[in-house]
Protein backbone atom coordinates (compact mmCIF):
# COMPACT_ATOMS: atom_id res chain seq x y z
CA UNK A 1 0.00 0.00 0.00
CA UNK A 2 1.13 3.59 -0.53
CA UNK A 3 2.55 5.36 2.55
CA UNK A 4 -0.66 7.33 3.15
CA UNK A 5 -2.87 4.21 2.98
CA UNK A 6 -1.02 1.72 5.14
CA UNK A 7 -3.89 1.68 7.65
CA UNK A 8 -6.12 0.01 5.04
CA UNK A 9 -6.45 -3.77 5.17
CA UNK A 10 -6.81 -5.47 1.81
CA UNK A 11 -7.77 -8.98 0.83
CA UNK A 12 -6.41 -9.80 -2.61
CA UNK A 13 -7.47 -12.93 -4.43
CA UNK A 14 -5.80 -13.96 -7.67
CA UNK A 15 -7.89 -16.34 -9.73
CA UNK A 16 -6.30 -18.61 -12.31
CA UNK A 17 -7.98 -19.43 -15.58
CA UNK A 18 -8.68 -23.02 -14.51
CA UNK A 19 -10.40 -21.95 -11.25
CA UNK A 20 -13.28 -24.40 -10.82
CA UNK A 21 -16.70 -23.94 -9.28
CA UNK A 22 -15.69 -26.28 -6.44
CA UNK A 23 -12.71 -24.10 -5.60
CA UNK A 24 -14.91 -20.99 -5.77
CA UNK A 25 -17.37 -22.54 -3.31
CA UNK A 26 -14.49 -23.45 -0.99
CA UNK A 27 -13.18 -19.89 -1.19
CA UNK A 28 -16.59 -18.44 -0.26
CA UNK A 29 -16.89 -20.93 2.62
CA UNK A 30 -13.43 -19.96 3.88
CA UNK A 31 -14.25 -16.24 3.70
CA UNK A 32 -17.48 -16.86 5.65
CA UNK A 33 -15.57 -18.83 8.28
CA UNK A 34 -12.99 -16.07 8.71
CA UNK A 35 -15.69 -13.39 8.95
CA UNK A 36 -17.39 -15.34 11.76
CA UNK A 37 -14.04 -15.75 13.53
CA UNK A 38 -13.33 -12.02 13.21
CA UNK A 39 -16.76 -11.20 14.64
CA UNK A 40 -15.98 -13.38 17.67
CA UNK A 41 -12.81 -11.43 18.47
CA UNK A 42 -13.08 -8.64 21.02
CA UNK A 43 -13.05 -5.16 19.50
CA UNK A 44 -9.96 -3.06 20.02
CA UNK A 45 -10.40 -0.26 22.49
CA UNK A 46 -10.26 3.11 20.79
CA UNK A 47 -9.77 6.27 22.79
CA UNK A 48 -11.93 9.34 22.35
CA UNK A 49 -9.01 10.96 20.51
CA UNK A 50 -9.24 8.51 17.64
CA UNK A 51 -7.82 9.80 14.43
CA UNK A 52 -10.43 9.61 11.71
CA UNK A 53 -9.47 7.71 8.59
CA UNK A 54 -12.58 8.15 6.51
CA UNK A 55 -14.90 11.06 5.78
CA UNK A 56 -18.17 11.02 3.87
CA UNK A 57 -20.45 13.81 2.79
CA UNK A 58 -23.96 13.55 4.16
CA UNK A 59 -26.56 16.28 3.46
CA UNK A 60 -23.80 18.73 2.60
CA UNK A 61 -21.96 18.07 5.87
CA UNK A 62 -18.72 16.15 6.21
CA UNK A 63 -19.16 13.20 8.55
CA UNK A 64 -15.91 11.74 9.89
CA UNK A 65 -15.73 8.08 10.80
CA UNK A 66 -13.41 6.39 13.23
CA UNK A 67 -11.25 3.45 12.21
CA UNK A 68 -13.60 1.10 14.07
CA UNK A 69 -16.66 2.47 12.26
CA UNK A 70 -14.89 2.08 8.93
CA UNK A 71 -13.88 -1.51 9.74
CA UNK A 72 -17.42 -2.39 10.76
CA UNK A 73 -18.80 -0.84 7.59
CA UNK A 74 -16.39 -2.80 5.40
CA UNK A 75 -17.15 -6.03 7.27
CA UNK A 76 -20.88 -5.48 6.84
CA UNK A 77 -20.48 -4.96 3.09
CA UNK A 78 -18.41 -8.15 2.74
CA UNK A 79 -20.90 -10.16 4.80
CA UNK A 80 -23.74 -8.94 2.62
CA UNK A 81 -21.78 -9.83 -0.51
CA UNK A 82 -20.92 -13.32 0.72
CA UNK A 83 -24.49 -14.04 1.84
CA UNK A 84 -25.93 -12.85 -1.49
CA UNK A 85 -23.47 -15.04 -3.40
CA UNK A 86 -24.34 -18.01 -1.20
CA UNK A 87 -28.08 -17.50 -1.81
CA UNK A 88 -27.44 -17.21 -5.55
CA UNK A 89 -25.34 -20.39 -5.54
CA UNK A 90 -28.01 -22.26 -3.55
CA UNK A 91 -30.64 -21.27 -6.13
CA UNK A 92 -28.39 -22.34 -9.00
CA UNK A 93 -27.65 -25.71 -7.40
CA UNK A 94 -31.34 -26.68 -7.32
CA UNK A 95 -32.46 -29.83 -9.10
CA UNK A 96 -34.18 -29.17 -12.44
PDB file of N, CA and C in Angstrom:
ATOM      1  N   UNK A   1       0.839  -1.181   0.000  1.00  0.00           N
ATOM      2  CA  UNK A   1       0.000   0.000   0.000  1.00  0.00           C
ATOM      3  C   UNK A   1       0.890   1.252   0.000  1.00  0.00           C
ATOM      4  N   UNK A   2       0.384   2.335  -0.572  1.00  0.00           N
ATOM      5  CA  UNK A   2       1.131   3.589  -0.528  1.00  0.00           C
ATOM      6  C   UNK A   2       1.299   4.059   0.910  1.00  0.00           C
ATOM      7  N   UNK A   3       2.287   4.911   1.166  1.00  0.00           N
ATOM      8  CA  UNK A   3       2.547   5.355   2.548  1.00  0.00           C
ATOM      9  C   UNK A   3       1.341   5.975   3.242  1.00  0.00           C
ATOM     10  N   UNK A   4       0.478   6.687   2.506  1.00  0.00           N
ATOM     11  CA  UNK A   4      -0.661   7.332   3.152  1.00  0.00           C
ATOM     12  C   UNK A   4      -1.874   6.416   3.280  1.00  0.00           C
ATOM     13  N   UNK A   5      -1.743   5.150   2.894  1.00  0.00           N
ATOM     14  CA  UNK A   5      -2.870   4.210   2.976  1.00  0.00           C
ATOM     15  C   UNK A   5      -2.476   2.908   3.656  1.00  0.00           C
ATOM     16  N   UNK A   6      -1.465   2.947   4.483  1.00  0.00           N
ATOM     17  CA  UNK A   6      -1.016   1.720   5.136  1.00  0.00           C
ATOM     18  C   UNK A   6      -1.963   1.247   6.232  1.00  0.00           C
ATOM     19  N   UNK A   7      -2.914   2.067   6.642  1.00  0.00           N
ATOM     20  CA  UNK A   7      -3.892   1.679   7.651  1.00  0.00           C
ATOM     21  C   UNK A   7      -5.017   0.840   7.048  1.00  0.00           C
ATOM     22  N   UNK A   8      -5.062   0.740   5.726  1.00  0.00           N
ATOM     23  CA  UNK A   8      -6.117   0.010   5.035  1.00  0.00           C
ATOM     24  C   UNK A   8      -5.731  -1.459   4.937  1.00  0.00           C
ATOM     25  N   UNK A   9      -6.665  -2.333   5.285  1.00  0.00           N
ATOM     26  CA  UNK A   9      -6.447  -3.766   5.168  1.00  0.00           C
ATOM     27  C   UNK A   9      -7.089  -4.240   3.881  1.00  0.00           C
ATOM     28  N   UNK A  10      -6.342  -5.039   3.123  1.00  0.00           N
ATOM     29  CA  UNK A  10      -6.815  -5.471   1.813  1.00  0.00           C
ATOM     30  C   UNK A  10      -6.746  -6.986   1.725  1.00  0.00           C
ATOM     31  N   UNK A  11      -7.780  -7.562   1.144  1.00  0.00           N
ATOM     32  CA  UNK A  11      -7.771  -8.983   0.827  1.00  0.00           C
ATOM     33  C   UNK A  11      -7.676  -9.082  -0.683  1.00  0.00           C
ATOM     34  N   UNK A  12      -6.603  -9.668  -1.171  1.00  0.00           N
ATOM     35  CA  UNK A  12      -6.409  -9.800  -2.608  1.00  0.00           C
ATOM     36  C   UNK A  12      -6.498 -11.267  -2.969  1.00  0.00           C
ATOM     37  N   UNK A  13      -7.312 -11.554  -3.965  1.00  0.00           N
ATOM     38  CA  UNK A  13      -7.470 -12.925  -4.433  1.00  0.00           C
ATOM     39  C   UNK A  13      -7.114 -12.947  -5.906  1.00  0.00           C
ATOM     40  N   UNK A  14      -6.184 -13.794  -6.269  1.00  0.00           N
ATOM     41  CA  UNK A  14      -5.798 -13.955  -7.671  1.00  0.00           C
ATOM     42  C   UNK A  14      -6.405 -15.270  -8.154  1.00  0.00           C
ATOM     43  N   UNK A  15      -7.184 -15.182  -9.203  1.00  0.00           N
ATOM     44  CA  UNK A  15      -7.892 -16.340  -9.730  1.00  0.00           C
ATOM     45  C   UNK A  15      -7.228 -16.791 -11.028  1.00  0.00           C
ATOM     46  N   UNK A  16      -6.880 -18.049 -11.086  1.00  0.00           N
ATOM     47  CA  UNK A  16      -6.302 -18.606 -12.309  1.00  0.00           C
ATOM     48  C   UNK A  16      -7.404 -18.959 -13.298  1.00  0.00           C
ATOM     49  N   UNK A  17      -7.017 -19.141 -14.526  1.00  0.00           N
ATOM     50  CA  UNK A  17      -7.980 -19.433 -15.580  1.00  0.00           C
ATOM     51  C   UNK A  17      -8.719 -20.748 -15.344  1.00  0.00           C
ATOM     52  N   UNK A  18      -8.056 -21.716 -14.738  1.00  0.00           N
ATOM     53  CA  UNK A  18      -8.676 -23.019 -14.514  1.00  0.00           C
ATOM     54  C   UNK A  18      -9.373 -23.131 -13.147  1.00  0.00           C
ATOM     55  N   UNK A  19      -9.726 -21.997 -12.555  1.00  0.00           N
ATOM     56  CA  UNK A  19     -10.397 -21.953 -11.255  1.00  0.00           C
ATOM     57  C   UNK A  19     -11.785 -22.573 -11.397  1.00  0.00           C
ATOM     58  N   UNK A  20     -12.028 -23.652 -10.665  1.00  0.00           N
ATOM     59  CA  UNK A  20     -13.279 -24.400 -10.815  1.00  0.00           C
ATOM     60  C   UNK A  20     -14.365 -23.872  -9.875  1.00  0.00           C
ATOM     61  N   UNK A  21     -15.570 -24.310 -10.140  1.00  0.00           N
ATOM     62  CA  UNK A  21     -16.699 -23.940  -9.279  1.00  0.00           C
ATOM     63  C   UNK A  21     -16.489 -24.482  -7.861  1.00  0.00           C
ATOM     64  N   UNK A  22     -15.948 -25.682  -7.756  1.00  0.00           N
ATOM     65  CA  UNK A  22     -15.689 -26.281  -6.444  1.00  0.00           C
ATOM     66  C   UNK A  22     -14.721 -25.416  -5.644  1.00  0.00           C
ATOM     67  N   UNK A  23     -13.664 -24.966  -6.292  1.00  0.00           N
ATOM     68  CA  UNK A  23     -12.706 -24.098  -5.598  1.00  0.00           C
ATOM     69  C   UNK A  23     -13.351 -22.766  -5.218  1.00  0.00           C
ATOM     70  N   UNK A  24     -14.214 -22.239  -6.077  1.00  0.00           N
ATOM     71  CA  UNK A  24     -14.906 -20.986  -5.772  1.00  0.00           C
ATOM     72  C   UNK A  24     -15.795 -21.163  -4.543  1.00  0.00           C
ATOM     73  N   UNK A  25     -16.507 -22.280  -4.467  1.00  0.00           N
ATOM     74  CA  UNK A  25     -17.367 -22.545  -3.314  1.00  0.00           C
ATOM     75  C   UNK A  25     -16.538 -22.679  -2.038  1.00  0.00           C
ATOM     76  N   UNK A  26     -15.374 -23.316  -2.147  1.00  0.00           N
ATOM     77  CA  UNK A  26     -14.493 -23.454  -0.986  1.00  0.00           C
ATOM     78  C   UNK A  26     -13.963 -22.094  -0.537  1.00  0.00           C
ATOM     79  N   UNK A  27     -13.652 -21.225  -1.513  1.00  0.00           N
ATOM     80  CA  UNK A  27     -13.176 -19.886  -1.190  1.00  0.00           C
ATOM     81  C   UNK A  27     -14.249 -19.102  -0.437  1.00  0.00           C
ATOM     82  N   UNK A  28     -15.479 -19.146  -0.926  1.00  0.00           N
ATOM     83  CA  UNK A  28     -16.586 -18.444  -0.258  1.00  0.00           C
ATOM     84  C   UNK A  28     -16.787 -19.000   1.151  1.00  0.00           C
ATOM     85  N   UNK A  29     -16.725 -20.312   1.296  1.00  0.00           N
ATOM     86  CA  UNK A  29     -16.887 -20.925   2.623  1.00  0.00           C
ATOM     87  C   UNK A  29     -15.769 -20.473   3.565  1.00  0.00           C
ATOM     88  N   UNK A  30     -14.545 -20.406   3.054  1.00  0.00           N
ATOM     89  CA  UNK A  30     -13.425 -19.959   3.885  1.00  0.00           C
ATOM     90  C   UNK A  30     -13.581 -18.500   4.296  1.00  0.00           C
ATOM     91  N   UNK A  31     -14.038 -17.647   3.371  1.00  0.00           N
ATOM     92  CA  UNK A  31     -14.252 -16.236   3.698  1.00  0.00           C
ATOM     93  C   UNK A  31     -15.338 -16.112   4.768  1.00  0.00           C
ATOM     94  N   UNK A  32     -16.421 -16.881   4.629  1.00  0.00           N
ATOM     95  CA  UNK A  32     -17.483 -16.862   5.645  1.00  0.00           C
ATOM     96  C   UNK A  32     -16.938 -17.271   7.006  1.00  0.00           C
ATOM     97  N   UNK A  33     -16.132 -18.328   7.025  1.00  0.00           N
ATOM     98  CA  UNK A  33     -15.567 -18.826   8.280  1.00  0.00           C
ATOM     99  C   UNK A  33     -14.706 -17.753   8.941  1.00  0.00           C
ATOM    100  N   UNK A  34     -13.868 -17.102   8.158  1.00  0.00           N
ATOM    101  CA  UNK A  34     -12.988 -16.074   8.708  1.00  0.00           C
ATOM    102  C   UNK A  34     -13.796 -14.878   9.217  1.00  0.00           C
ATOM    103  N   UNK A  35     -14.854 -14.504   8.488  1.00  0.00           N
ATOM    104  CA  UNK A  35     -15.687 -13.393   8.948  1.00  0.00           C
ATOM    105  C   UNK A  35     -16.337 -13.709  10.289  1.00  0.00           C
ATOM    106  N   UNK A  36     -16.801 -14.942  10.469  1.00  0.00           N
ATOM    107  CA  UNK A  36     -17.390 -15.340  11.755  1.00  0.00           C
ATOM    108  C   UNK A  36     -16.338 -15.319  12.862  1.00  0.00           C
ATOM    109  N   UNK A  37     -15.118 -15.767  12.545  1.00  0.00           N
ATOM    110  CA  UNK A  37     -14.039 -15.750  13.533  1.00  0.00           C
ATOM    111  C   UNK A  37     -13.672 -14.316  13.912  1.00  0.00           C
ATOM    112  N   UNK A  38     -13.649 -13.419  12.923  1.00  0.00           N
ATOM    113  CA  UNK A  38     -13.333 -12.019  13.214  1.00  0.00           C
ATOM    114  C   UNK A  38     -14.415 -11.381  14.073  1.00  0.00           C
ATOM    115  N   UNK A  39     -15.666 -11.733  13.819  1.00  0.00           N
ATOM    116  CA  UNK A  39     -16.758 -11.205  14.638  1.00  0.00           C
ATOM    117  C   UNK A  39     -16.648 -11.650  16.086  1.00  0.00           C
ATOM    118  N   UNK A  40     -16.093 -12.841  16.312  1.00  0.00           N
ATOM    119  CA  UNK A  40     -15.983 -13.376  17.668  1.00  0.00           C
ATOM    120  C   UNK A  40     -14.855 -12.717  18.462  1.00  0.00           C
ATOM    121  N   UNK A  41     -13.927 -12.072  17.777  1.00  0.00           N
ATOM    122  CA  UNK A  41     -12.812 -11.425  18.466  1.00  0.00           C
ATOM    123  C   UNK A  41     -13.295 -10.177  19.185  1.00  0.00           C
ATOM    124  N   UNK A  42     -12.691  -9.869  20.336  1.00  0.00           N
ATOM    125  CA  UNK A  42     -13.078  -8.637  21.022  1.00  0.00           C
ATOM    126  C   UNK A  42     -12.604  -7.426  20.217  1.00  0.00           C
ATOM    127  N   UNK A  43     -13.410  -6.379  20.220  1.00  0.00           N
ATOM    128  CA  UNK A  43     -13.051  -5.157  19.498  1.00  0.00           C
ATOM    129  C   UNK A  43     -11.889  -4.474  20.210  1.00  0.00           C
ATOM    130  N   UNK A  44     -11.050  -3.831  19.422  1.00  0.00           N
ATOM    131  CA  UNK A  44      -9.958  -3.059  20.024  1.00  0.00           C
ATOM    132  C   UNK A  44     -10.541  -1.824  20.693  1.00  0.00           C
ATOM    133  N   UNK A  45      -9.953  -1.469  21.811  1.00  0.00           N
ATOM    134  CA  UNK A  45     -10.398  -0.259  22.489  1.00  0.00           C
ATOM    135  C   UNK A  45      -9.824   0.944  21.763  1.00  0.00           C
ATOM    136  N   UNK A  46     -10.686   1.908  21.491  1.00  0.00           N
ATOM    137  CA  UNK A  46     -10.261   3.107  20.791  1.00  0.00           C
ATOM    138  C   UNK A  46     -10.576   4.293  21.688  1.00  0.00           C
ATOM    139  N   UNK A  47      -9.577   5.126  21.904  1.00  0.00           N
ATOM    140  CA  UNK A  47      -9.772   6.273  22.790  1.00  0.00           C
ATOM    141  C   UNK A  47     -10.640   7.320  22.121  1.00  0.00           C
ATOM    142  N   UNK A  48     -11.071   8.276  22.888  1.00  0.00           N
ATOM    143  CA  UNK A  48     -11.925   9.335  22.352  1.00  0.00           C
ATOM    144  C   UNK A  48     -11.157  10.267  21.425  1.00  0.00           C
ATOM    145  N   UNK A  49      -9.831  10.133  21.401  1.00  0.00           N
ATOM    146  CA  UNK A  49      -9.011  10.959  20.513  1.00  0.00           C
ATOM    147  C   UNK A  49      -8.638  10.207  19.250  1.00  0.00           C
ATOM    148  N   UNK A  50      -9.491   9.308  18.831  1.00  0.00           N
ATOM    149  CA  UNK A  50      -9.241   8.507  17.643  1.00  0.00           C
ATOM    150  C   UNK A  50      -9.043   9.400  16.422  1.00  0.00           C
ATOM    151  N   UNK A  51      -8.043   9.074  15.659  1.00  0.00           N
ATOM    152  CA  UNK A  51      -7.816   9.799  14.425  1.00  0.00           C
ATOM    153  C   UNK A  51      -8.765   9.229  13.380  1.00  0.00           C
ATOM    154  N   UNK A  52      -9.481  10.087  12.714  1.00  0.00           N
ATOM    155  CA  UNK A  52     -10.427   9.610  11.713  1.00  0.00           C
ATOM    156  C   UNK A  52      -9.679   9.247  10.444  1.00  0.00           C
ATOM    157  N   UNK A  53     -10.116   8.172   9.809  1.00  0.00           N
ATOM    158  CA  UNK A  53      -9.465   7.709   8.594  1.00  0.00           C
ATOM    159  C   UNK A  53     -10.388   7.767   7.394  1.00  0.00           C
ATOM    160  N   UNK A  54     -11.625   8.128   7.607  1.00  0.00           N
ATOM    161  CA  UNK A  54     -12.576   8.153   6.512  1.00  0.00           C
ATOM    162  C   UNK A  54     -13.552   9.302   6.744  1.00  0.00           C
ATOM    163  N   UNK A  55     -13.909   9.990   5.678  1.00  0.00           N
ATOM    164  CA  UNK A  55     -14.900  11.061   5.785  1.00  0.00           C
ATOM    165  C   UNK A  55     -15.860  10.912   4.630  1.00  0.00           C
ATOM    166  N   UNK A  56     -17.135  11.108   4.912  1.00  0.00           N
ATOM    167  CA  UNK A  56     -18.167  11.022   3.874  1.00  0.00           C
ATOM    168  C   UNK A  56     -19.014  12.270   3.946  1.00  0.00           C
ATOM    169  N   UNK A  57     -19.594  12.629   2.815  1.00  0.00           N
ATOM    170  CA  UNK A  57     -20.448  13.807   2.790  1.00  0.00           C
ATOM    171  C   UNK A  57     -21.887  13.358   2.934  1.00  0.00           C
ATOM    172  N   UNK A  58     -22.582  13.932   3.895  1.00  0.00           N
ATOM    173  CA  UNK A  58     -23.961  13.554   4.163  1.00  0.00           C
ATOM    174  C   UNK A  58     -24.770  14.827   4.340  1.00  0.00           C
ATOM    175  N   UNK A  59     -25.732  15.072   3.431  1.00  0.00           N
ATOM    176  CA  UNK A  59     -26.564  16.277   3.455  1.00  0.00           C
ATOM    177  C   UNK A  59     -25.723  17.549   3.465  1.00  0.00           C
ATOM    178  N   UNK A  60     -24.648  17.551   2.689  1.00  0.00           N
ATOM    179  CA  UNK A  60     -23.804  18.735   2.603  1.00  0.00           C
ATOM    180  C   UNK A  60     -22.837  18.899   3.751  1.00  0.00           C
ATOM    181  N   UNK A  61     -22.869  18.004   4.726  1.00  0.00           N
ATOM    182  CA  UNK A  61     -21.963  18.070   5.874  1.00  0.00           C
ATOM    183  C   UNK A  61     -20.955  16.933   5.771  1.00  0.00           C
ATOM    184  N   UNK A  62     -19.734  17.193   6.199  1.00  0.00           N
ATOM    185  CA  UNK A  62     -18.715  16.148   6.211  1.00  0.00           C
ATOM    186  C   UNK A  62     -18.839  15.382   7.515  1.00  0.00           C
ATOM    187  N   UNK A  63     -19.027  14.066   7.397  1.00  0.00           N
ATOM    188  CA  UNK A  63     -19.160  13.196   8.554  1.00  0.00           C
ATOM    189  C   UNK A  63     -17.887  12.355   8.637  1.00  0.00           C
ATOM    190  N   UNK A  64     -17.159  12.492   9.734  1.00  0.00           N
ATOM    191  CA  UNK A  64     -15.911  11.742   9.893  1.00  0.00           C
ATOM    192  C   UNK A  64     -16.195  10.446  10.637  1.00  0.00           C
ATOM    193  N   UNK A  65     -15.536   9.396  10.189  1.00  0.00           N
ATOM    194  CA  UNK A  65     -15.734   8.080  10.795  1.00  0.00           C
ATOM    195  C   UNK A  65     -14.438   7.629  11.456  1.00  0.00           C
ATOM    196  N   UNK A  66     -14.583   6.938  12.557  1.00  0.00           N
ATOM    197  CA  UNK A  66     -13.411   6.392  13.227  1.00  0.00           C
ATOM    198  C   UNK A  66     -12.950   5.138  12.493  1.00  0.00           C
ATOM    199  N   UNK A  67     -11.779   4.670  12.830  1.00  0.00           N
ATOM    200  CA  UNK A  67     -11.252   3.452  12.213  1.00  0.00           C
ATOM    201  C   UNK A  67     -12.164   2.273  12.504  1.00  0.00           C
ATOM    202  N   UNK A  68     -12.701   2.204  13.703  1.00  0.00           N
ATOM    203  CA  UNK A  68     -13.599   1.103  14.070  1.00  0.00           C
ATOM    204  C   UNK A  68     -14.878   1.148  13.242  1.00  0.00           C
ATOM    205  N   UNK A  69     -15.449   2.338  13.071  1.00  0.00           N
ATOM    206  CA  UNK A  69     -16.660   2.468  12.260  1.00  0.00           C
ATOM    207  C   UNK A  69     -16.398   2.052  10.814  1.00  0.00           C
ATOM    208  N   UNK A  70     -15.251   2.444  10.301  1.00  0.00           N
ATOM    209  CA  UNK A  70     -14.894   2.080   8.931  1.00  0.00           C
ATOM    210  C   UNK A  70     -14.730   0.570   8.807  1.00  0.00           C
ATOM    211  N   UNK A  71     -14.059  -0.059   9.765  1.00  0.00           N
ATOM    212  CA  UNK A  71     -13.878  -1.510   9.739  1.00  0.00           C
ATOM    213  C   UNK A  71     -15.217  -2.225   9.802  1.00  0.00           C
ATOM    214  N   UNK A  72     -16.100  -1.761  10.649  1.00  0.00           N
ATOM    215  CA  UNK A  72     -17.423  -2.388  10.763  1.00  0.00           C
ATOM    216  C   UNK A  72     -18.210  -2.244   9.464  1.00  0.00           C
ATOM    217  N   UNK A  73     -18.101  -1.080   8.842  1.00  0.00           N
ATOM    218  CA  UNK A  73     -18.801  -0.839   7.592  1.00  0.00           C
ATOM    219  C   UNK A  73     -18.289  -1.776   6.491  1.00  0.00           C
ATOM    220  N   UNK A  74     -16.990  -1.915   6.406  1.00  0.00           N
ATOM    221  CA  UNK A  74     -16.391  -2.804   5.398  1.00  0.00           C
ATOM    222  C   UNK A  74     -16.794  -4.251   5.664  1.00  0.00           C
ATOM    223  N   UNK A  75     -16.758  -4.666   6.925  1.00  0.00           N
ATOM    224  CA  UNK A  75     -17.146  -6.032   7.268  1.00  0.00           C
ATOM    225  C   UNK A  75     -18.601  -6.283   6.908  1.00  0.00           C
ATOM    226  N   UNK A  76     -19.466  -5.316   7.162  1.00  0.00           N
ATOM    227  CA  UNK A  76     -20.881  -5.478   6.836  1.00  0.00           C
ATOM    228  C   UNK A  76     -21.086  -5.630   5.330  1.00  0.00           C
ATOM    229  N   UNK A  77     -20.355  -4.861   4.547  1.00  0.00           N
ATOM    230  CA  UNK A  77     -20.478  -4.963   3.090  1.00  0.00           C
ATOM    231  C   UNK A  77     -20.023  -6.334   2.612  1.00  0.00           C
ATOM    232  N   UNK A  78     -18.909  -6.827   3.146  1.00  0.00           N
ATOM    233  CA  UNK A  78     -18.414  -8.150   2.742  1.00  0.00           C
ATOM    234  C   UNK A  78     -19.376  -9.253   3.154  1.00  0.00           C
ATOM    235  N   UNK A  79     -19.932  -9.146   4.352  1.00  0.00           N
ATOM    236  CA  UNK A  79     -20.901 -10.155   4.801  1.00  0.00           C
ATOM    237  C   UNK A  79     -22.091 -10.202   3.866  1.00  0.00           C
ATOM    238  N   UNK A  80     -22.601  -9.011   3.521  1.00  0.00           N
ATOM    239  CA  UNK A  80     -23.744  -8.940   2.619  1.00  0.00           C
ATOM    240  C   UNK A  80     -23.400  -9.572   1.278  1.00  0.00           C
ATOM    241  N   UNK A  81     -22.224  -9.270   0.764  1.00  0.00           N
ATOM    242  CA  UNK A  81     -21.785  -9.825  -0.510  1.00  0.00           C
ATOM    243  C   UNK A  81     -21.710 -11.352  -0.451  1.00  0.00           C
ATOM    244  N   UNK A  82     -21.087 -11.869   0.593  1.00  0.00           N
ATOM    245  CA  UNK A  82     -20.922 -13.322   0.724  1.00  0.00           C
ATOM    246  C   UNK A  82     -22.277 -14.003   0.857  1.00  0.00           C
ATOM    247  N   UNK A  83     -23.171 -13.445   1.664  1.00  0.00           N
ATOM    248  CA  UNK A  83     -24.495 -14.043   1.838  1.00  0.00           C
ATOM    249  C   UNK A  83     -25.302 -14.019   0.545  1.00  0.00           C
ATOM    250  N   UNK A  84     -25.218 -12.916  -0.215  1.00  0.00           N
ATOM    251  CA  UNK A  84     -25.926 -12.845  -1.492  1.00  0.00           C
ATOM    252  C   UNK A  84     -25.392 -13.879  -2.469  1.00  0.00           C
ATOM    253  N   UNK A  85     -24.075 -14.044  -2.504  1.00  0.00           N
ATOM    254  CA  UNK A  85     -23.466 -15.039  -3.398  1.00  0.00           C
ATOM    255  C   UNK A  85     -23.886 -16.446  -2.977  1.00  0.00           C
ATOM    256  N   UNK A  86     -23.945 -16.682  -1.680  1.00  0.00           N
ATOM    257  CA  UNK A  86     -24.336 -18.005  -1.199  1.00  0.00           C
ATOM    258  C   UNK A  86     -25.789 -18.300  -1.588  1.00  0.00           C
ATOM    259  N   UNK A  87     -26.677 -17.310  -1.428  1.00  0.00           N
ATOM    260  CA  UNK A  87     -28.077 -17.502  -1.811  1.00  0.00           C
ATOM    261  C   UNK A  87     -28.193 -17.768  -3.306  1.00  0.00           C
ATOM    262  N   UNK A  88     -27.427 -17.027  -4.103  1.00  0.00           N
ATOM    263  CA  UNK A  88     -27.443 -17.214  -5.546  1.00  0.00           C
ATOM    264  C   UNK A  88     -26.950 -18.611  -5.912  1.00  0.00           C
ATOM    265  N   UNK A  89     -25.878 -19.051  -5.276  1.00  0.00           N
ATOM    266  CA  UNK A  89     -25.343 -20.394  -5.543  1.00  0.00           C
ATOM    267  C   UNK A  89     -26.324 -21.473  -5.127  1.00  0.00           C
ATOM    268  N   UNK A  90     -27.018 -21.261  -4.000  1.00  0.00           N
ATOM    269  CA  UNK A  90     -28.014 -22.258  -3.550  1.00  0.00           C
ATOM    270  C   UNK A  90     -29.149 -22.373  -4.568  1.00  0.00           C
ATOM    271  N   UNK A  91     -29.574 -21.242  -5.127  1.00  0.00           N
ATOM    272  CA  UNK A  91     -30.638 -21.269  -6.134  1.00  0.00           C
ATOM    273  C   UNK A  91     -30.169 -21.976  -7.399  1.00  0.00           C
ATOM    274  N   UNK A  92     -28.909 -21.757  -7.775  1.00  0.00           N
ATOM    275  CA  UNK A  92     -28.388 -22.338  -9.005  1.00  0.00           C
ATOM    276  C   UNK A  92     -28.120 -23.833  -8.864  1.00  0.00           C
ATOM    277  N   UNK A  93     -27.954 -24.303  -7.632  1.00  0.00           N
ATOM    278  CA  UNK A  93     -27.651 -25.710  -7.399  1.00  0.00           C
ATOM    279  C   UNK A  93     -28.921 -26.554  -7.261  1.00  0.00           C
ATOM    280  N   UNK A  94     -30.087 -25.955  -7.445  1.00  0.00           N
ATOM    281  CA  UNK A  94     -31.338 -26.677  -7.322  1.00  0.00           C
ATOM    282  C   UNK A  94     -31.466 -27.726  -8.416  1.00  0.00           C
ATOM    283  N   UNK A  95     -32.245 -28.749  -8.145  1.00  0.00           N
ATOM    284  CA  UNK A  95     -32.462 -29.828  -9.104  1.00  0.00           C
ATOM    285  C   UNK A  95     -33.531 -29.384 -10.104  1.00  0.00           C
ATOM    286  N   UNK A  96     -33.236 -29.556 -11.384  1.00  0.00           N
ATOM    287  CA  UNK A  96     -34.184 -29.170 -12.436  1.00  0.00           C
ATOM    288  C   UNK A  96     -35.054 -30.333 -12.830  1.00  0.00           C
TER     289      UNK A  96
END
